[in-house]
Each structure stands twice: as structure tokens, then as C-alpha cells.
Amino acid sequence: MNMSKNLLATAALAVGAVGAALAQNASDEQVKVKIDGSSTVYPITRAAAKAFEEQNKPYQGTIAVAFSGTGGGFKKFCAGTTDISDASRPILQKEIDACRNNNVAFMELPVAFDALTVVVHPKNTWASEITVAELKKIWERASQGKVTRWSQVRAGFPDRPLKLYGPGRDSGTYDYFAEAILGSANTDTRSDYVDSEDDDVLVKGVSEDPDALGYFGYAYYEANKDKLKALAVDGGKGPVPPTDKNVEKGTYAPLSRPLFIYVNIVSTQKKPEVREFVKYYLDNGEKLAASVGYVPLPEEGYHIASNHFFRGKRGTVYGGRAYLGLSIREVLLKTASF
């Protein structure tokens, strides 16, 4: 990732600190497009909203973007109170049922790929890579109160406290990590860690704690790489660092994941602002994803998503599961066959 991309990512993420305030400050009459959900997808959507409003003056101030986590966003979306839901994992069966019960028909549109990134403090000199088995050992519920020191993770690691930072239970990142590492999105991780739906809080925690280990979306690492160290992850074929190329090749497994927006179909029928914004988002998806540090879909991916959008293709192709274990190519093939 080059310096200009890093600067763009930093700028986009800085907006996160005021995202909720922006949504609150916009008047009810002015706001026409309400968006909530994943803090991971927030930087892309906020960048899209800012660029869209700048290029379409009549729509200025009409889009409110906030984040409450993927799960929190779906609660609002399936209740019919938002138009678009950002999601760092596919919609779950319980959320599909909630949308159905409230007559909320939706479209599922992939917008980028992410490398869910495991990070430590730069002063951590003993860990440069970690295995999936070790991540499970650290985060599984049975380890609560038991695996509390680095020396318990791997022989040779120092006898220092192990302090954990991660997303809360309303986060799609939490769900995806739980299913990818523990085997089920319905399996709770240990709860004795510092949790937050705001990834900037997690960044701050790890960057100030030499004994810390945490995880969150790649864009937040990319924007703060001067004060964090990313670990290569060994899924059974050797340690692989989180990079654009490794995500594109599908070798950064099992923590590569697609990112989505879900769009209320009725909103697209009743609100021209929603239609125009989603069209802009997909038309510029490659540039927007890259600007905040995520891996863009190939051009055909945005064409497929645009085709689904204009056809009003409703529902999900993922069967209500959080973890997919799919490469970019596999996601495109699955989406195209939908």
C-alpha cells in the first residue's frame, strides 16, 4: 500500500470519530438516506457519501452515516428504520427472519474485500506470526481466566501478561472471527477482554499496551501502521501476512472476507436519493475501496453488483452464515449465479 493510499485511509478513518455526530446534527427533514451498521465498512460508505454529496449539490446533507456494528445495524435495518446497512459479514438467518417478519425486502451487494487483521504493539519482539490453533486457544471461552500470559500461548513466548482487545458482540467482525477461528458464529469467545464497536478505540488500546493482542479490519491497521504490528496468520500452510496480493490470491486464510451493503428495496422505489447514491457507490466502488485501504473487487464484481441492483435482485446467496471461507473469485462466481 503506497503513501497516498495511507493518507487517504487516515483521512477517511478520522471521519469515524465524528460519524455519529454528523448523523445526529443533520435535521430529520434534510436526511433522506439513513445508513448504519459495520464500523469496518463505515470508512468506505462515509467516503462514498462525502464524494457523492460533493459531486451532486442538490443531495448535499441528505445522507447520514453512522455505525453501531453489523448486528446493531441489521436490527435497525430489519425494523425498517434505515435505508442501507453496512455489513462486515453476510446477513444471518435470525436477521433474515426479522426482515421477513417486518416486510423488509433487501438486496445484498458486495463492495470490497478485507483482511481481518491480528495486531500487537510494535514493542512486541517475540511474535511475528500466529497460528489459527493459537488464536483459538487464546480466544475460546474455555480460556477465560486461564490463558492470561503470553507464555501460555506458545513455548518460548515471554512470561508477560496477555491483554486482549476486540470488537463487541454486535460486530460482524466478532461474528466472522468466531466462526472462522472457533467454528461457529453462535459460539461466544471469552468475555474478559476490552471490547468496543469503535475500531479506533481498539487501535488506541493496542497501540498503548506492549502486552496487547487485538483484531479488526485492515483499513484501521493501514491507517495506524506506524503504531501497530500486524501478525502473519498460519492457517495450516505456513504464515501469511495480510496484504492486498494475499487477499486477492486467497492465501490469507481464514481471515479474508467480503464486505457488503444491504439496501432496502422499498427505499430504492420511494427515494431517488437512495437509488442515485447506491448507483454512485457501485460505479466508483474500486476507487472508494482502495482509498480507505481495502481490496477492491475486480471490475466485473461491481458490474455484477450493479446488475443485481438495477434488477432489484432480492435476498442473500450465503444461507445465513457469517463465515464463508471464499476467495474473491469464489464470491464473484457465487454472486453471479444468484
Protein backbone atom coordinates (compact mmCIF):
# COMPACT_ATOMS: atom_id res chain seq x y z
CA MET A 1 0.00 0.00 0.00
CA ASN A 2 1.52 3.33 -1.01
CA MET A 3 1.79 6.55 0.98
CA SER A 4 -1.06 8.32 -0.82
CA LYS A 5 -3.40 5.42 -0.07
CA ASN A 6 -2.30 5.50 3.57
CA LEU A 7 -3.02 9.22 3.79
CA LEU A 8 -6.45 8.70 2.23
CA ALA A 9 -7.17 5.88 4.65
CA THR A 10 -6.11 8.02 7.60
CA ALA A 11 -8.32 10.86 6.46
CA ALA A 12 -11.31 8.60 5.89
CA LEU A 13 -10.95 6.91 9.27
CA ALA A 14 -10.54 10.23 11.04
CA VAL A 15 -14.10 10.98 9.99
CA GLY A 16 -15.18 8.00 12.08
CA ALA A 17 -14.68 9.96 15.27
CA VAL A 18 -17.42 12.36 14.21
CA GLY A 19 -19.62 9.97 12.23
CA ALA A 20 -22.33 9.66 14.86
CA ALA A 21 -22.28 13.41 15.42
CA LEU A 22 -22.77 14.05 11.71
CA ALA A 23 -25.80 11.78 11.72
CA GLN A 24 -27.22 13.50 14.80
CA ASN A 25 -26.63 17.03 13.52
CA ALA A 26 -28.48 16.53 10.25
CA SER A 27 -32.12 17.55 10.55
CA ASP A 28 -34.85 14.96 10.02
CA GLU A 29 -36.22 16.94 7.08
CA GLN A 30 -32.82 17.13 5.40
CA VAL A 31 -31.77 13.49 5.81
CA LYS A 32 -33.16 11.25 3.07
CA VAL A 33 -30.71 8.32 3.24
CA LYS A 34 -30.10 6.70 6.62
CA ILE A 35 -27.16 4.29 6.86
CA ASP A 36 -25.90 2.34 9.87
CA GLY A 37 -24.03 -0.85 10.62
CA SER A 38 -20.45 -2.07 10.43
CA SER A 39 -17.61 0.11 11.68
CA THR A 40 -15.38 -1.83 9.24
CA VAL A 41 -17.45 -0.83 6.20
CA TYR A 42 -18.07 2.68 7.60
CA PRO A 43 -14.91 4.23 6.06
CA ILE A 44 -15.90 3.17 2.53
CA THR A 45 -19.52 4.25 2.89
CA ARG A 46 -18.60 7.55 4.51
CA ALA A 47 -16.10 8.24 1.71
CA ALA A 48 -18.82 7.39 -0.83
CA ALA A 49 -21.33 9.70 0.86
CA LYS A 50 -18.87 12.58 1.06
CA ALA A 51 -17.82 12.27 -2.60
CA PHE A 52 -21.42 11.81 -3.78
CA GLU A 53 -22.62 14.92 -1.97
CA GLU A 54 -19.68 16.96 -3.24
CA GLN A 55 -20.45 15.99 -6.83
CA ASN A 56 -24.23 16.28 -6.50
CA LYS A 57 -25.01 19.56 -4.77
CA PRO A 58 -28.81 19.02 -4.66
CA TYR A 59 -28.19 15.99 -2.45
CA GLN A 60 -25.79 17.74 -0.06
CA GLY A 61 -26.59 16.95 3.57
CA THR A 62 -29.12 14.27 2.68
CA ILE A 63 -27.04 11.23 3.74
CA ALA A 64 -26.45 10.31 7.39
CA VAL A 65 -23.84 7.60 8.02
CA ALA A 66 -23.30 6.09 11.46
CA PHE A 67 -22.02 2.81 12.89
CA SER A 68 -23.35 0.55 15.63
CA GLY A 69 -21.79 -2.72 14.46
CA THR A 70 -23.09 -5.11 11.82
CA GLY A 71 -25.54 -6.74 14.23
CA GLY A 72 -26.73 -3.39 15.59
CA GLY A 73 -27.14 -2.10 12.05
CA PHE A 74 -29.22 -5.10 10.99
CA LYS A 75 -31.54 -4.60 13.99
CA LYS A 76 -32.35 -1.13 12.70
CA PHE A 77 -32.42 -2.17 9.05
CA CYS A 78 -34.76 -5.11 9.60
CA ALA A 79 -37.03 -2.88 11.68
CA GLY A 80 -37.29 -0.59 8.65
CA THR A 81 -35.61 2.44 10.26
CA THR A 82 -32.59 2.64 7.92
CA ASP A 83 -32.25 2.51 4.15
CA ILE A 84 -28.84 0.87 3.89
CA SER A 85 -26.97 -1.42 6.27
CA ASP A 86 -23.19 -1.75 6.17
CA ALA A 87 -22.08 -5.30 6.98
CA SER A 88 -18.71 -6.97 7.50
CA ARG A 89 -20.30 -10.41 7.17
CA PRO A 90 -23.34 -11.81 5.36
CA ILE A 91 -26.76 -11.45 6.95
CA LEU A 92 -27.55 -14.19 9.49
CA GLN A 93 -30.67 -16.37 9.48
CA LYS A 94 -32.12 -14.65 12.56
CA GLU A 95 -31.74 -11.30 10.76
CA ILE A 96 -33.28 -12.67 7.57
CA ASP A 97 -36.25 -13.80 9.68
CA ALA A 98 -36.50 -10.37 11.36
CA CYS A 99 -36.52 -8.63 7.97
CA ARG A 100 -39.14 -11.04 6.65
CA ASN A 101 -41.35 -10.52 9.73
CA ASN A 102 -41.23 -6.75 9.16
CA ASN A 103 -41.72 -6.99 5.37
CA VAL A 104 -38.27 -5.57 4.68
CA ALA A 105 -37.08 -6.88 1.33
CA PHE A 106 -33.40 -6.29 0.67
CA MET A 107 -30.61 -6.51 -1.86
CA GLU A 108 -27.17 -7.87 -0.93
CA LEU A 109 -24.30 -6.07 -2.68
CA PRO A 110 -20.59 -6.89 -2.11
CA VAL A 111 -18.41 -3.77 -2.21
CA ALA A 112 -14.86 -4.84 -1.22
CA PHE A 113 -12.67 -7.47 0.43
CA ASP A 114 -10.99 -7.13 3.81
CA ALA A 115 -8.13 -8.84 5.60
CA LEU A 116 -9.29 -9.17 9.19
CA THR A 117 -6.01 -8.23 10.87
CA VAL A 118 -4.45 -9.55 14.09
CA VAL A 119 -2.23 -6.89 15.65
CA VAL A 120 0.19 -6.39 18.52
CA HIS A 121 2.23 -3.48 19.87
CA PRO A 122 5.44 -2.65 17.90
CA LYS A 123 7.46 -3.36 21.05
CA ASN A 124 6.29 -6.96 20.90
CA THR A 125 9.52 -8.60 19.70
CA TRP A 126 8.53 -12.22 20.26
CA ALA A 127 5.55 -12.64 17.93
CA SER A 128 5.65 -12.04 14.18
CA GLU A 129 3.17 -14.78 13.25
CA ILE A 130 0.44 -16.79 14.93
CA THR A 131 -1.41 -19.98 14.06
CA VAL A 132 -5.17 -20.44 13.83
CA ALA A 133 -4.86 -23.04 16.61
CA GLU A 134 -3.15 -20.48 18.84
CA LEU A 135 -5.81 -17.89 18.09
CA LYS A 136 -8.43 -20.46 19.09
CA LYS A 137 -6.51 -21.24 22.26
CA ILE A 138 -6.40 -17.54 23.13
CA TRP A 139 -9.99 -16.64 22.32
CA GLU A 140 -12.10 -19.70 23.09
CA ARG A 141 -14.48 -19.49 26.02
CA ALA A 142 -12.62 -22.21 27.95
CA SER A 143 -9.53 -19.99 28.09
CA GLN A 144 -11.24 -17.28 30.10
CA GLY A 145 -9.27 -16.71 33.28
CA LYS A 146 -6.80 -19.45 32.26
CA VAL A 147 -4.81 -18.24 29.26
CA THR A 148 -3.70 -14.91 30.66
CA ARG A 149 0.01 -14.81 29.79
CA TRP A 150 1.94 -14.95 26.54
CA SER A 151 3.97 -17.92 27.79
CA GLN A 152 0.75 -19.97 27.85
CA VAL A 153 0.18 -19.38 24.13
CA ARG A 154 3.45 -20.84 22.87
CA ALA A 155 6.59 -22.24 24.45
CA GLY A 156 9.31 -19.61 24.11
CA PHE A 157 6.98 -16.63 24.39
CA PRO A 158 7.86 -14.50 27.46
CA ASP A 159 6.06 -14.71 30.78
CA ARG A 160 4.22 -11.43 30.30
CA PRO A 161 0.54 -10.56 30.73
CA LEU A 162 -1.66 -11.16 27.68
CA LYS A 163 -4.16 -8.32 27.29
CA LEU A 164 -6.87 -8.71 24.67
CA TYR A 165 -8.76 -6.15 22.59
CA GLY A 166 -11.55 -6.92 20.14
CA PRO A 167 -14.97 -5.96 18.78
CA GLY A 168 -18.16 -6.32 20.79
CA ARG A 169 -20.88 -8.85 20.15
CA ASP A 170 -22.88 -6.57 17.85
CA SER A 171 -19.94 -6.53 15.44
CA GLY A 172 -19.84 -8.52 12.23
CA THR A 173 -16.10 -8.75 12.76
CA TYR A 174 -16.77 -10.58 16.03
CA ASP A 175 -19.19 -12.99 14.31
CA TYR A 176 -16.83 -13.66 11.40
CA PHE A 177 -13.83 -14.21 13.68
CA ALA A 178 -15.83 -16.53 15.97
CA GLU A 179 -16.95 -18.70 13.07
CA ALA A 180 -13.59 -18.68 11.27
CA ILE A 181 -11.49 -19.39 14.36
CA LEU A 182 -13.85 -21.14 16.80
CA GLY A 183 -16.07 -22.88 14.27
CA SER A 184 -19.40 -21.13 14.83
CA ALA A 185 -20.75 -17.58 14.91
CA ASN A 186 -23.01 -18.80 17.72
CA THR A 187 -20.01 -19.78 19.86
CA ASP A 188 -19.09 -16.98 22.23
CA THR A 189 -15.47 -16.06 22.63
CA ARG A 190 -14.10 -15.37 26.08
CA SER A 191 -15.51 -12.16 27.52
CA ASP A 192 -12.60 -10.95 29.65
CA TYR A 193 -11.21 -8.54 27.08
CA VAL A 194 -11.55 -4.86 26.20
CA ASP A 195 -14.37 -4.67 23.65
CA SER A 196 -15.74 -1.85 21.52
CA GLU A 197 -17.81 -1.35 18.37
CA ASP A 198 -15.49 1.59 17.59
CA ASP A 199 -12.30 0.26 15.97
CA ASP A 200 -10.45 3.46 16.81
CA VAL A 201 -10.86 2.55 20.49
CA LEU A 202 -9.25 -0.84 19.80
CA VAL A 203 -6.42 0.78 17.84
CA LYS A 204 -5.73 3.12 20.74
CA GLY A 205 -5.78 0.27 23.25
CA VAL A 206 -3.30 -1.95 21.39
CA SER A 207 -1.04 0.95 20.41
CA GLU A 208 -0.63 1.93 24.06
CA ASP A 209 -0.17 -1.58 25.51
CA PRO A 210 3.06 -3.54 24.82
CA ASP A 211 1.39 -6.75 26.06
CA ALA A 212 -1.71 -6.41 23.87
CA LEU A 213 -3.18 -8.51 21.10
CA GLY A 214 -6.26 -7.45 19.15
CA TYR A 215 -8.07 -7.80 15.83
CA PHE A 216 -10.08 -5.56 13.48
CA GLY A 217 -10.43 -4.61 9.81
CA TYR A 218 -7.34 -3.97 7.69
CA ALA A 219 -8.13 -0.31 6.97
CA TYR A 220 -7.69 0.53 10.66
CA TYR A 221 -4.29 -1.17 10.67
CA GLU A 222 -3.32 0.52 7.41
CA ALA A 223 -4.16 3.95 8.84
CA ASN A 224 -2.19 3.26 12.03
CA LYS A 225 0.67 1.01 10.89
CA ASP A 226 3.25 3.34 12.48
CA LYS A 227 1.94 2.33 15.93
CA LEU A 228 0.79 -1.26 15.34
CA LYS A 229 2.37 -4.52 14.14
CA ALA A 230 0.32 -6.97 12.07
CA LEU A 231 0.92 -10.70 12.60
CA ALA A 232 1.09 -13.18 9.74
CA VAL A 233 -1.57 -15.88 10.20
CA ASP A 234 -0.84 -19.57 9.68
CA GLY A 235 -3.97 -21.41 8.59
CA GLY A 236 -2.06 -24.65 8.05
CA LYS A 237 0.09 -23.80 5.03
CA GLY A 238 2.60 -21.50 6.69
CA PRO A 239 2.33 -17.91 7.96
CA VAL A 240 0.79 -15.42 5.52
CA PRO A 241 0.76 -11.65 6.18
CA PRO A 242 -2.36 -9.56 5.46
CA THR A 243 -1.66 -7.83 2.13
CA ASP A 244 -3.63 -6.89 -0.97
CA LYS A 245 -1.99 -9.63 -3.03
CA ASN A 246 -2.54 -12.34 -0.43
CA VAL A 247 -6.21 -11.41 -0.14
CA GLU A 248 -6.58 -11.37 -3.93
CA LYS A 249 -4.89 -14.78 -4.24
CA GLY A 250 -6.97 -16.24 -1.41
CA THR A 251 -3.89 -17.26 0.59
CA TYR A 252 -4.66 -15.11 3.62
CA ALA A 253 -6.98 -17.68 5.13
CA PRO A 254 -9.23 -17.96 7.01
CA LEU A 255 -9.42 -14.23 7.77
CA SER A 256 -10.12 -12.76 4.31
CA ARG A 257 -13.75 -11.70 4.00
CA PRO A 258 -16.11 -9.82 1.70
CA LEU A 259 -17.73 -6.58 2.82
CA PHE A 260 -21.33 -5.68 1.92
CA ILE A 261 -24.03 -3.09 1.81
CA TYR A 262 -27.65 -4.24 2.17
CA VAL A 263 -30.25 -1.98 0.56
CA ASN A 264 -33.94 -1.73 1.43
CA ILE A 265 -35.82 -2.31 -1.84
CA VAL A 266 -38.76 -0.08 -0.86
CA SER A 267 -36.30 2.75 -0.17
CA THR A 268 -34.97 2.46 -3.73
CA GLN A 269 -38.54 2.71 -5.05
CA LYS A 270 -39.58 5.68 -2.94
CA LYS A 271 -36.36 7.65 -2.57
CA PRO A 272 -34.40 8.81 -5.63
CA GLU A 273 -31.57 9.77 -3.25
CA VAL A 274 -31.09 6.12 -2.29
CA ARG A 275 -31.11 4.97 -5.93
CA GLU A 276 -28.62 7.60 -7.03
CA PHE A 277 -26.32 7.06 -4.06
CA VAL A 278 -26.12 3.28 -4.47
CA LYS A 279 -25.52 3.68 -8.20
CA TYR A 280 -22.67 6.10 -7.45
CA TYR A 281 -21.27 3.76 -4.79
CA LEU A 282 -21.08 0.80 -7.19
CA ASP A 283 -19.87 2.85 -10.16
CA ASN A 284 -16.96 4.10 -8.03
CA GLY A 285 -16.51 1.07 -5.80
CA GLU A 286 -13.00 0.21 -6.93
CA LYS A 287 -11.64 3.69 -6.23
CA LEU A 288 -13.54 4.05 -2.94
CA ALA A 289 -12.40 0.69 -1.54
CA ALA A 290 -8.76 1.34 -2.42
CA SER A 291 -8.86 4.86 -0.97
CA VAL A 292 -9.52 3.57 2.54
CA GLY A 293 -7.17 0.61 2.43
CA TYR A 294 -9.42 -2.30 1.44
CA VAL A 295 -9.05 -4.65 -1.51
CA PRO A 296 -11.41 -3.67 -4.35
CA LEU A 297 -13.42 -6.27 -6.21
CA PRO A 298 -12.38 -6.82 -9.82
CA GLU A 299 -14.25 -4.54 -12.22
CA GLU A 300 -16.61 -7.37 -13.13
CA GLY A 301 -17.59 -7.64 -9.46
CA TYR A 302 -19.02 -4.13 -9.45
CA HIS A 303 -20.73 -4.81 -12.79
CA ILE A 304 -22.40 -7.89 -11.29
CA ALA A 305 -23.47 -5.93 -8.19
CA SER A 306 -24.80 -3.10 -10.38
CA ASN A 307 -26.76 -5.58 -12.46
CA HIS A 308 -28.32 -7.08 -9.34
CA PHE A 309 -29.14 -3.59 -8.07
CA PHE A 310 -30.88 -2.45 -11.24
CA ARG A 311 -32.78 -5.74 -11.48
CA GLY A 312 -33.84 -5.45 -7.83
CA LYS A 313 -32.38 -8.88 -7.03
CA ARG A 314 -33.59 -9.58 -3.52
CA GLY A 315 -32.30 -11.86 -0.78
CA THR A 316 -28.95 -13.41 0.14
CA VAL A 317 -26.83 -16.05 -1.54
CA TYR A 318 -24.99 -17.11 1.64
CA GLY A 319 -27.60 -19.10 3.57
CA GLY A 320 -27.46 -17.14 6.82
CA ARG A 321 -23.84 -17.94 7.74
CA ALA A 322 -21.19 -15.46 8.89
CA TYR A 323 -18.03 -17.25 7.74
CA LEU A 324 -17.67 -18.02 4.06
CA GLY A 325 -14.07 -19.12 3.57
CA LEU A 326 -14.27 -17.93 -0.04
CA SER A 327 -11.75 -16.21 -2.27
CA ILE A 328 -12.67 -13.11 -4.26
CA ARG A 329 -13.16 -15.25 -7.36
CA GLU A 330 -15.44 -17.65 -5.49
CA VAL A 331 -17.51 -14.78 -4.10
CA LEU A 332 -17.93 -13.34 -7.61
CA LEU A 333 -18.99 -16.71 -9.02
CA LYS A 334 -21.46 -17.20 -6.18
CA THR A 335 -22.86 -13.69 -6.57
CA ALA A 336 -23.10 -14.02 -10.35
CA SER A 337 -25.02 -17.29 -10.06
CA PHE A 338 -27.57 -15.70 -7.72
